[in-house]
Amino acid sequence: MVAWKRQLILFGGFHESTRDYIYYNDVYAFNLDTFTWSKLSPSGTGPTPRSGCQMTVTPQGNIIIYGGYSKQRVRKDVDRGTQHSDMFLLKAEDGSEGKWSWTRINPSGAKPTPRSGFSVAVAPNHQTLLFGGVCDEEEEESLEGDFLNDLHFYDPIRNRWFAGQLKGPKAEKRRRRRGRKAEPGGADKQAAKGPSAQEPLEVVREVVSEDGTVVTIKQVLAAPGVAGQLESDDDDGPEEAGVAPVEPSPRSNAMLAVKHGRLYLYGGMFEAGDRQVTLSDLYCLDLHKMEEWMVLVETDPESQEWLEETDSDEDSEEAEGAEGGGEEDEDEEEEEEESGEEGGEEHPSVAPGELLADYLPRTEQHWLRCARDSVGPGAPERRVLRAAQALAQAFYDGSAGRWTEGGAVPCGLK
């Protein structure tokens, strides 16, 4: 829904009951003077039924509809989702009150990849910004989500998409260094820097849940060559030392708001198998400078806990245990902890100073066996291999001390 003059314009959506669902592509207007609804009947061919689309008003007073999600039943108990990437213009006809028309448009530029669950806000220059989302890869009986954290801008005046590229805080420091070239010793300092910086690396991180489902998370890191350069400038910050840039992790359904040219991003979620991880971090980005994200509130993985649904039998067993089995529960927890520690010792240990690139091939067969036990028999070999690599990576990171104490897995997965 968007505000248009003295009306609110509402498009599409969906309704789902226990037995069926339906998606809409109708248009309604709510008059802010009379407080009444009216249904609009635009001419032309409009968008197919969908929900979760981008809807914004252009400086010319037209309405843009982009993307969205819908699903349809292909056979009994089998649905297939569609991630729309088309764009339509809803325009009020001049001199004809209440008459509207649909026109399909094809913007140029760096278009976002098809996705759903993205977030939308309006930038100060009337451009529409789009963040994140998830691209679902559906197979016959499986669904894997590729969550995103990229930023895109749509310019309605030029009908063009732009990728939101951050400049980074290095630009000012490079200018300072160019000014110091004329100072004594400046040439030597530049020589010590070595060759120019390499391109940033795109690291693919995979999270594996207990049922073996793999969720892929992409993150852009600084080039590894930067970390080995000599520190010659006293005012160089951590960015010059090759520290990974701060940015929101891949997610869908984040909350966005723009105030005084600053974009605020809160929360969102991503999935690991049948589990949903809800985020509570808060970021800020200056849309005028477009330099770097700032963290206002970090997510504390240790404070997260799983909220699981249980059936009536499990509830009754838990109730009985709560009444008279407190000491037994404590004994069982201690036994589980001990067995968990013993099981952890069975994994191949990481040698001091051993790189992940060396650890993976050395222990590949072990992790393949673990992955097959996790994902179950008959799983595709590609899925087994990805699960094995993710399990090995998680164990390696835990051994290297980058995980919380006790071998916790990412984002509070226990």
Protein backbone atom coordinates (compact mmCIF):
# COMPACT_ATOMS: atom_id res chain seq x y z
CA MET A 1 0.00 0.00 0.00
CA VAL A 2 1.19 3.54 -0.80
CA ALA A 3 -0.07 7.07 -0.16
CA TRP A 4 -1.13 8.80 -3.40
CA LYS A 5 -2.45 12.37 -3.06
CA ARG A 6 -5.45 12.09 -0.70
CA GLN A 7 -5.82 8.34 -1.15
CA LEU A 8 -4.21 5.11 -0.06
CA ILE A 9 -3.73 2.67 -2.95
CA LEU A 10 -3.65 -1.04 -2.07
CA PHE A 11 -2.61 -3.83 -4.45
CA GLY A 12 -2.67 -7.63 -4.30
CA GLY A 13 -1.84 -9.84 -1.34
CA PHE A 14 -2.95 -13.32 -0.37
CA HIS A 15 -5.22 -15.23 1.99
CA GLU A 16 -4.49 -18.73 3.27
CA SER A 17 -6.82 -21.07 5.15
CA THR A 18 -6.24 -24.55 6.51
CA ARG A 19 -7.25 -26.18 3.23
CA ASP A 20 -6.56 -23.66 0.47
CA TYR A 21 -4.98 -20.33 -0.45
CA ILE A 22 -5.60 -17.56 -2.95
CA TYR A 23 -3.45 -14.71 -4.33
CA TYR A 24 -4.87 -11.38 -5.50
CA ASN A 25 -4.02 -8.73 -8.10
CA ASP A 26 -6.92 -6.35 -7.47
CA VAL A 27 -6.53 -2.65 -6.67
CA TYR A 28 -8.41 -0.67 -4.01
CA ALA A 29 -8.37 3.00 -2.99
CA PHE A 30 -9.13 4.43 0.45
CA ASN A 31 -10.24 8.07 0.46
CA LEU A 32 -8.64 9.99 3.34
CA ASP A 33 -11.40 12.64 3.28
CA THR A 34 -14.48 10.40 3.26
CA PHE A 35 -12.89 7.32 4.93
CA THR A 36 -14.39 5.00 2.32
CA TRP A 37 -13.01 2.16 0.19
CA SER A 38 -13.54 1.84 -3.56
CA LYS A 39 -12.38 -0.79 -6.00
CA LEU A 40 -10.39 0.38 -9.03
CA SER A 41 -10.57 -1.31 -12.43
CA PRO A 42 -7.46 -0.25 -14.38
CA SER A 43 -7.40 -0.85 -18.13
CA GLY A 44 -4.62 -2.82 -19.80
CA THR A 45 -2.82 -5.97 -18.68
CA GLY A 46 -1.59 -5.76 -15.11
CA PRO A 47 0.51 -7.99 -12.85
CA THR A 48 -0.53 -11.56 -12.17
CA PRO A 49 -1.79 -12.30 -8.62
CA ARG A 50 1.00 -12.02 -6.04
CA SER A 51 2.01 -10.79 -2.60
CA GLY A 52 5.10 -9.17 -1.10
CA CYS A 53 5.86 -6.91 -4.06
CA GLN A 54 7.62 -3.55 -4.16
CA MET A 55 5.16 -0.66 -4.46
CA THR A 56 6.31 2.96 -4.69
CA VAL A 57 5.12 6.33 -6.03
CA THR A 58 7.26 8.05 -8.67
CA PRO A 59 7.95 11.83 -8.75
CA GLN A 60 5.54 12.04 -11.71
CA GLY A 61 2.70 10.66 -9.55
CA ASN A 62 2.61 7.16 -11.01
CA ILE A 63 2.81 3.92 -9.03
CA ILE A 64 5.45 1.24 -9.62
CA ILE A 65 4.81 -2.45 -8.85
CA TYR A 66 7.87 -4.73 -8.90
CA GLY A 67 8.41 -8.40 -8.14
CA GLY A 68 6.49 -10.37 -5.55
CA TYR A 69 5.76 -14.00 -4.79
CA SER A 70 2.96 -16.45 -5.54
CA LYS A 71 2.45 -20.18 -5.59
CA GLN A 72 0.17 -22.56 -7.39
CA ARG A 73 -0.79 -26.18 -6.98
CA VAL A 74 0.84 -28.44 -9.56
CA ARG A 75 -0.71 -31.65 -8.22
CA LYS A 76 -2.32 -32.90 -5.03
CA ASP A 77 -0.42 -31.71 -1.94
CA VAL A 78 2.37 -30.28 -4.15
CA ASP A 79 2.76 -26.51 -4.60
CA ARG A 80 5.33 -24.60 -6.61
CA GLY A 81 6.32 -21.04 -5.80
CA THR A 82 7.13 -18.30 -8.31
CA GLN A 83 9.45 -15.36 -7.59
CA HIS A 84 8.33 -12.58 -9.91
CA SER A 85 10.81 -10.09 -11.36
CA ASP A 86 8.54 -8.11 -13.70
CA MET A 87 7.63 -4.43 -13.28
CA PHE A 88 4.39 -2.54 -14.00
CA LEU A 89 3.33 1.10 -14.03
CA LEU A 90 -0.08 2.04 -12.61
CA LYS A 91 -1.07 5.46 -13.93
CA ALA A 92 -4.07 7.69 -13.29
CA GLU A 93 -5.50 8.92 -16.58
CA ASP A 94 -5.53 12.70 -16.99
CA GLY A 95 -8.92 14.34 -16.76
CA SER A 96 -10.68 11.11 -15.85
CA GLU A 97 -11.23 10.81 -12.12
CA GLY A 98 -11.07 7.24 -10.87
CA LYS A 99 -9.73 5.84 -14.17
CA TRP A 100 -6.37 4.08 -14.12
CA SER A 101 -4.30 2.07 -16.60
CA TRP A 102 -1.65 -0.64 -16.40
CA THR A 103 1.56 -0.59 -18.48
CA ARG A 104 4.36 -3.14 -18.30
CA ILE A 105 7.83 -1.54 -18.29
CA ASN A 106 11.29 -3.03 -18.72
CA PRO A 107 13.93 -1.09 -16.78
CA SER A 108 17.60 -1.15 -17.79
CA GLY A 109 20.71 -1.39 -15.63
CA ALA A 110 21.89 -3.90 -13.03
CA LYS A 111 18.61 -5.60 -12.12
CA PRO A 112 18.24 -7.55 -8.87
CA THR A 113 18.21 -11.31 -9.18
CA PRO A 114 14.77 -12.93 -8.70
CA ARG A 115 13.92 -13.17 -5.01
CA SER A 116 11.18 -12.88 -2.43
CA GLY A 117 11.11 -11.48 1.08
CA PHE A 118 13.09 -8.38 0.12
CA SER A 119 12.72 -5.08 1.96
CA VAL A 120 11.91 -1.70 0.43
CA ALA A 121 12.33 1.96 1.40
CA VAL A 122 12.40 5.32 -0.41
CA ALA A 123 15.74 7.15 -0.64
CA PRO A 124 16.00 10.96 -0.33
CA ASN A 125 16.37 11.46 -4.11
CA HIS A 126 13.04 9.71 -4.86
CA GLN A 127 14.87 6.50 -5.74
CA THR A 128 13.54 3.23 -4.35
CA LEU A 129 16.05 1.01 -2.53
CA LEU A 130 15.74 -2.75 -2.22
CA PHE A 131 17.65 -4.88 0.30
CA GLY A 132 18.22 -8.61 0.72
CA GLY A 133 15.64 -11.34 0.38
CA VAL A 134 15.84 -15.03 -0.38
CA CYS A 135 16.04 -17.02 -3.60
CA ASP A 136 14.40 -20.42 -3.12
CA GLU A 137 15.83 -23.32 -5.12
CA GLU A 138 13.03 -25.86 -5.36
CA GLU A 139 13.44 -29.48 -6.31
CA GLU A 140 10.82 -32.21 -6.26
CA GLU A 141 10.91 -32.83 -2.51
CA SER A 142 13.39 -30.28 -1.18
CA LEU A 143 13.69 -26.54 -0.79
CA GLU A 144 16.96 -24.68 -0.22
CA GLY A 145 17.13 -20.95 0.43
CA ASP A 146 19.92 -18.70 -0.78
CA PHE A 147 19.66 -15.62 1.45
CA LEU A 148 20.98 -12.28 0.21
CA ASN A 149 22.27 -9.00 1.68
CA ASP A 150 22.82 -6.90 -1.45
CA LEU A 151 21.47 -3.40 -1.99
CA HIS A 152 19.85 -2.07 -5.19
CA PHE A 153 18.41 1.30 -6.21
CA TYR A 154 15.70 1.96 -8.80
CA ASP A 155 15.60 5.40 -10.47
CA PRO A 156 12.03 5.93 -11.77
CA ILE A 157 12.99 9.02 -13.78
CA ARG A 158 15.56 7.11 -15.84
CA ASN A 159 13.77 3.76 -15.46
CA ARG A 160 17.04 2.14 -14.46
CA TRP A 161 18.39 -0.16 -11.72
CA PHE A 162 21.70 0.50 -9.97
CA ALA A 163 23.69 -1.77 -7.66
CA GLY A 164 24.31 -0.19 -4.26
CA GLN A 165 28.12 -0.14 -4.12
CA LEU A 166 29.71 1.09 -0.90
CA LYS A 167 32.75 3.32 -1.34
CA GLY A 168 34.32 2.38 1.97
CA PRO A 169 36.25 4.75 4.24
CA LYS A 170 39.50 4.13 2.34
CA ALA A 171 38.81 6.81 -0.27
CA GLU A 172 39.77 9.67 2.04
CA LYS A 173 42.87 7.84 3.23
CA ARG A 174 44.03 7.25 -0.32
CA ARG A 175 43.76 10.98 -0.96
CA ARG A 176 45.85 11.66 2.13
CA ARG A 177 48.51 9.28 0.90
CA ARG A 178 48.63 10.92 -2.51
CA GLY A 179 49.22 14.23 -0.71
CA ARG A 180 52.08 12.70 1.27
CA LYS A 181 53.89 11.46 -1.82
CA ALA A 182 55.76 14.76 -1.97
CA GLU A 183 56.90 14.50 1.66
CA PRO A 184 60.35 13.08 2.52
CA GLY A 185 60.19 9.34 2.72
CA GLY A 186 56.80 9.27 1.05
CA ALA A 187 58.05 7.25 -1.90
CA ASP A 188 59.58 4.66 0.41
CA LYS A 189 56.31 4.31 2.28
CA GLN A 190 54.44 3.78 -0.96
CA ALA A 191 56.93 1.18 -2.08
CA ALA A 192 56.44 -0.69 1.16
CA LYS A 193 52.77 -0.99 0.36
CA GLY A 194 53.52 -3.33 -2.52
CA PRO A 195 51.11 -3.99 -5.41
CA SER A 196 47.65 -2.52 -5.56
CA ALA A 197 44.88 -4.05 -3.52
CA GLN A 198 43.23 -7.18 -4.84
CA GLU A 199 39.55 -7.52 -5.57
CA PRO A 200 37.27 -8.34 -2.59
CA LEU A 201 36.47 -12.00 -2.04
CA GLU A 202 32.99 -13.47 -1.98
CA VAL A 203 32.94 -16.12 0.73
CA VAL A 204 30.18 -18.71 0.73
CA ARG A 205 29.36 -19.95 4.22
CA GLU A 206 27.03 -22.87 4.77
CA VAL A 207 25.01 -23.56 7.92
CA VAL A 208 23.90 -27.14 8.54
CA SER A 209 20.99 -27.96 10.84
CA GLU A 210 20.58 -31.24 12.67
CA ASP A 211 18.54 -32.71 9.83
CA GLY A 212 21.35 -32.02 7.36
CA THR A 213 19.66 -29.15 5.54
CA VAL A 214 22.22 -26.67 4.19
CA VAL A 215 21.57 -22.92 4.12
CA THR A 216 24.05 -20.91 2.02
CA ILE A 217 25.11 -17.48 3.31
CA LYS A 218 27.20 -15.16 1.13
CA GLN A 219 29.52 -12.52 2.56
CA VAL A 220 31.93 -10.14 0.86
CA LEU A 221 35.30 -9.93 2.61
CA ALA A 222 38.31 -7.71 2.09
CA ALA A 223 41.07 -9.06 -0.16
CA PRO A 224 43.51 -11.32 1.71
CA GLY A 225 46.51 -9.50 0.29
CA VAL A 226 45.68 -6.39 2.26
CA ALA A 227 46.24 -8.11 5.59
CA GLY A 228 49.92 -8.68 4.87
CA GLN A 229 50.78 -5.10 4.03
CA LEU A 230 52.98 -3.02 6.29
CA GLU A 231 51.37 -0.41 8.51
CA SER A 232 53.05 2.84 7.60
CA ASP A 233 50.36 5.41 8.40
CA ASP A 234 49.49 6.12 12.01
CA ASP A 235 45.95 7.17 11.14
CA ASP A 236 45.07 4.05 9.19
CA GLY A 237 42.08 2.29 10.70
CA PRO A 238 41.22 -1.42 10.80
CA GLU A 239 39.93 -1.25 7.22
CA GLU A 240 43.53 -0.73 6.04
CA ALA A 241 44.60 -3.87 7.92
CA GLY A 242 42.29 -6.12 5.93
CA VAL A 243 39.49 -6.40 8.49
CA ALA A 244 36.27 -7.61 6.91
CA PRO A 245 33.85 -4.72 6.27
CA VAL A 246 30.86 -4.43 8.58
CA GLU A 247 27.60 -5.30 6.86
CA PRO A 248 24.28 -6.96 7.69
CA SER A 249 24.34 -10.71 7.25
CA PRO A 250 22.14 -12.21 4.49
CA ARG A 251 18.47 -12.25 5.51
CA SER A 252 14.90 -11.75 4.38
CA ASN A 253 12.04 -9.64 5.74
CA ALA A 254 14.24 -7.02 7.40
CA MET A 255 12.65 -3.77 8.62
CA LEU A 256 13.80 -0.61 6.79
CA ALA A 257 13.30 3.09 7.51
CA VAL A 258 14.96 6.26 6.13
CA LYS A 259 15.42 9.36 8.28
CA HIS A 260 17.53 12.43 7.40
CA GLY A 261 19.28 10.56 4.59
CA ARG A 262 20.20 7.57 6.78
CA LEU A 263 18.93 4.06 6.17
CA TYR A 264 18.14 2.04 9.29
CA LEU A 265 17.91 -1.76 9.00
CA TYR A 266 16.55 -3.92 11.81
CA GLY A 267 16.26 -7.67 12.21
CA GLY A 268 14.91 -10.10 9.68
CA MET A 269 15.27 -13.85 9.51
CA PHE A 270 16.92 -16.75 7.71
CA GLU A 271 16.20 -20.46 7.69
CA ALA A 272 18.22 -23.53 8.62
CA GLY A 273 16.26 -26.58 7.54
CA ASP A 274 12.83 -26.42 9.17
CA ARG A 275 14.05 -23.87 11.70
CA GLN A 276 13.79 -20.11 11.44
CA VAL A 277 16.48 -17.91 12.98
CA THR A 278 15.14 -14.48 13.95
CA LEU A 279 17.64 -11.62 14.07
CA SER A 280 17.57 -8.56 16.34
CA ASP A 281 20.55 -6.50 15.14
CA LEU A 282 20.32 -2.86 14.01
CA TYR A 283 22.43 -1.19 11.30
CA CYS A 284 22.69 2.30 9.83
CA LEU A 285 23.95 3.48 6.41
CA ASP A 286 24.45 7.10 5.29
CA LEU A 287 22.81 7.14 1.85
CA HIS A 288 24.54 10.39 0.88
CA LYS A 289 28.07 9.14 1.56
CA MET A 290 27.50 5.42 0.82
CA GLU A 291 30.72 4.54 2.64
CA GLU A 292 30.03 1.82 5.20
CA TRP A 293 27.42 0.22 7.44
CA MET A 294 27.50 1.12 11.13
CA VAL A 295 26.41 -1.37 13.79
CA LEU A 296 24.06 0.20 16.33
CA VAL A 297 22.95 -3.01 18.07
CA GLU A 298 24.65 -6.37 17.63
CA THR A 299 22.95 -9.75 17.76
CA ASP A 300 24.02 -11.84 20.75
CA PRO A 301 23.93 -15.52 19.64
CA GLU A 302 24.27 -16.73 23.25
CA SER A 303 21.01 -15.00 24.20
CA GLN A 304 19.02 -16.86 21.52
CA GLU A 305 17.02 -19.97 22.28
CA TRP A 306 14.90 -22.32 20.22
CA LEU A 307 11.14 -22.23 20.70
CA GLU A 308 9.89 -25.61 19.53
CA GLU A 309 6.37 -26.96 19.19
CA THR A 310 5.61 -30.27 20.92
CA ASP A 311 2.66 -32.62 20.65
CA SER A 312 0.34 -33.52 23.53
CA ASP A 313 2.23 -36.70 24.45
CA GLU A 314 5.50 -34.85 24.76
CA ASP A 315 3.80 -32.12 26.79
CA SER A 316 2.38 -34.63 29.24
CA GLU A 317 5.76 -36.35 29.62
CA GLU A 318 7.40 -33.01 30.28
CA ALA A 319 4.74 -32.15 32.85
CA GLU A 320 5.31 -35.44 34.70
CA GLY A 321 9.04 -34.88 34.66
CA ALA A 322 8.59 -31.37 36.03
CA GLU A 323 6.53 -32.68 38.98
CA GLY A 324 8.81 -35.41 40.29
CA GLY A 325 11.84 -35.96 38.11
CA GLY A 326 14.04 -32.94 38.66
CA GLU A 327 17.06 -34.88 39.91
CA GLU A 328 16.70 -37.48 37.15
CA ASP A 329 16.59 -34.72 34.52
CA GLU A 330 19.81 -33.27 35.89
CA ASP A 331 21.47 -36.69 35.76
CA GLU A 332 20.28 -37.19 32.16
CA GLU A 333 21.62 -33.76 31.16
CA GLU A 334 25.01 -34.55 32.67
CA GLU A 335 25.10 -37.87 30.80
CA GLU A 336 24.18 -36.12 27.54
CA GLU A 337 26.91 -33.54 28.06
CA GLU A 338 29.46 -36.28 28.75
CA SER A 339 28.38 -38.29 25.70
CA GLY A 340 28.52 -35.12 23.60
CA GLU A 341 32.06 -34.42 24.75
CA GLU A 342 33.10 -37.99 24.02
CA GLY A 343 31.50 -37.78 20.54
CA GLY A 344 33.40 -34.55 19.82
CA GLU A 345 36.74 -36.30 20.47
CA GLU A 346 36.02 -38.73 17.64
CA HIS A 347 36.38 -36.01 15.01
CA PRO A 348 39.85 -35.50 13.51
CA SER A 349 41.60 -32.80 15.50
CA VAL A 350 42.97 -29.63 13.92
CA ALA A 351 46.75 -29.43 14.05
CA PRO A 352 48.25 -26.21 15.49
CA GLY A 353 48.46 -23.64 12.72
CA GLU A 354 46.77 -25.92 10.17
CA LEU A 355 44.86 -24.08 7.47
CA LEU A 356 41.32 -25.00 6.51
CA ALA A 357 42.51 -25.68 2.95
CA ASP A 358 44.78 -28.41 4.37
CA TYR A 359 42.35 -29.72 6.98
CA LEU A 360 39.48 -30.35 4.55
CA PRO A 361 41.21 -32.79 2.16
CA ARG A 362 42.95 -34.56 5.05
CA THR A 363 39.64 -35.34 6.82
CA GLU A 364 37.28 -35.48 3.85
CA GLN A 365 36.27 -39.15 4.20
CA HIS A 366 35.39 -38.75 7.88
CA TRP A 367 33.12 -35.79 7.26
CA LEU A 368 31.47 -37.50 4.30
CA ARG A 369 30.48 -40.37 6.61
CA CYS A 370 29.12 -37.88 9.16
CA ALA A 371 27.18 -36.08 6.44
CA ARG A 372 25.61 -39.28 5.14
CA ASP A 373 24.46 -40.15 8.65
CA SER A 374 23.04 -36.65 9.02
CA VAL A 375 21.14 -36.24 5.75
CA GLY A 376 19.99 -39.86 5.63
CA PRO A 377 20.21 -42.56 2.95
CA GLY A 378 19.32 -41.77 -0.63
CA ALA A 379 20.28 -38.10 -0.40
CA PRO A 380 21.86 -36.59 -3.56
CA GLU A 381 25.65 -36.74 -3.54
CA ARG A 382 25.84 -32.98 -4.09
CA ARG A 383 23.89 -32.37 -0.90
CA VAL A 384 26.06 -34.86 1.03
CA LEU A 385 29.24 -33.13 -0.15
CA ARG A 386 27.97 -29.65 0.81
CA ALA A 387 26.87 -30.91 4.22
CA ALA A 388 30.27 -32.55 4.79
CA GLN A 389 32.13 -29.37 3.92
CA ALA A 390 29.91 -27.30 6.20
CA LEU A 391 30.30 -29.75 9.12
CA ALA A 392 34.07 -29.74 8.69
CA GLN A 393 34.12 -25.95 8.51
CA ALA A 394 32.05 -25.66 11.70
CA PHE A 395 34.33 -28.06 13.59
CA TYR A 396 37.45 -26.32 12.28
CA ASP A 397 36.16 -22.90 13.31
CA GLY A 398 35.22 -24.21 16.74
CA SER A 399 38.69 -25.71 17.21
CA ALA A 400 40.27 -22.43 16.12
CA GLY A 401 38.39 -20.64 18.90
CA ARG A 402 36.05 -18.61 16.73
CA TRP A 403 32.90 -20.20 18.11
CA THR A 404 31.37 -19.80 21.53
CA GLU A 405 32.57 -22.13 24.29
CA GLY A 406 31.12 -25.61 24.09
CA GLY A 407 31.21 -25.96 20.31
CA ALA A 408 28.07 -23.98 19.55
CA VAL A 409 27.13 -23.73 15.91
CA PRO A 410 26.25 -20.44 14.14
CA CYS A 411 23.34 -18.25 15.26
CA GLY A 412 22.52 -20.32 18.32
CA LEU A 413 21.89 -23.62 16.52
CA LYS A 414 22.34 -26.28 19.21
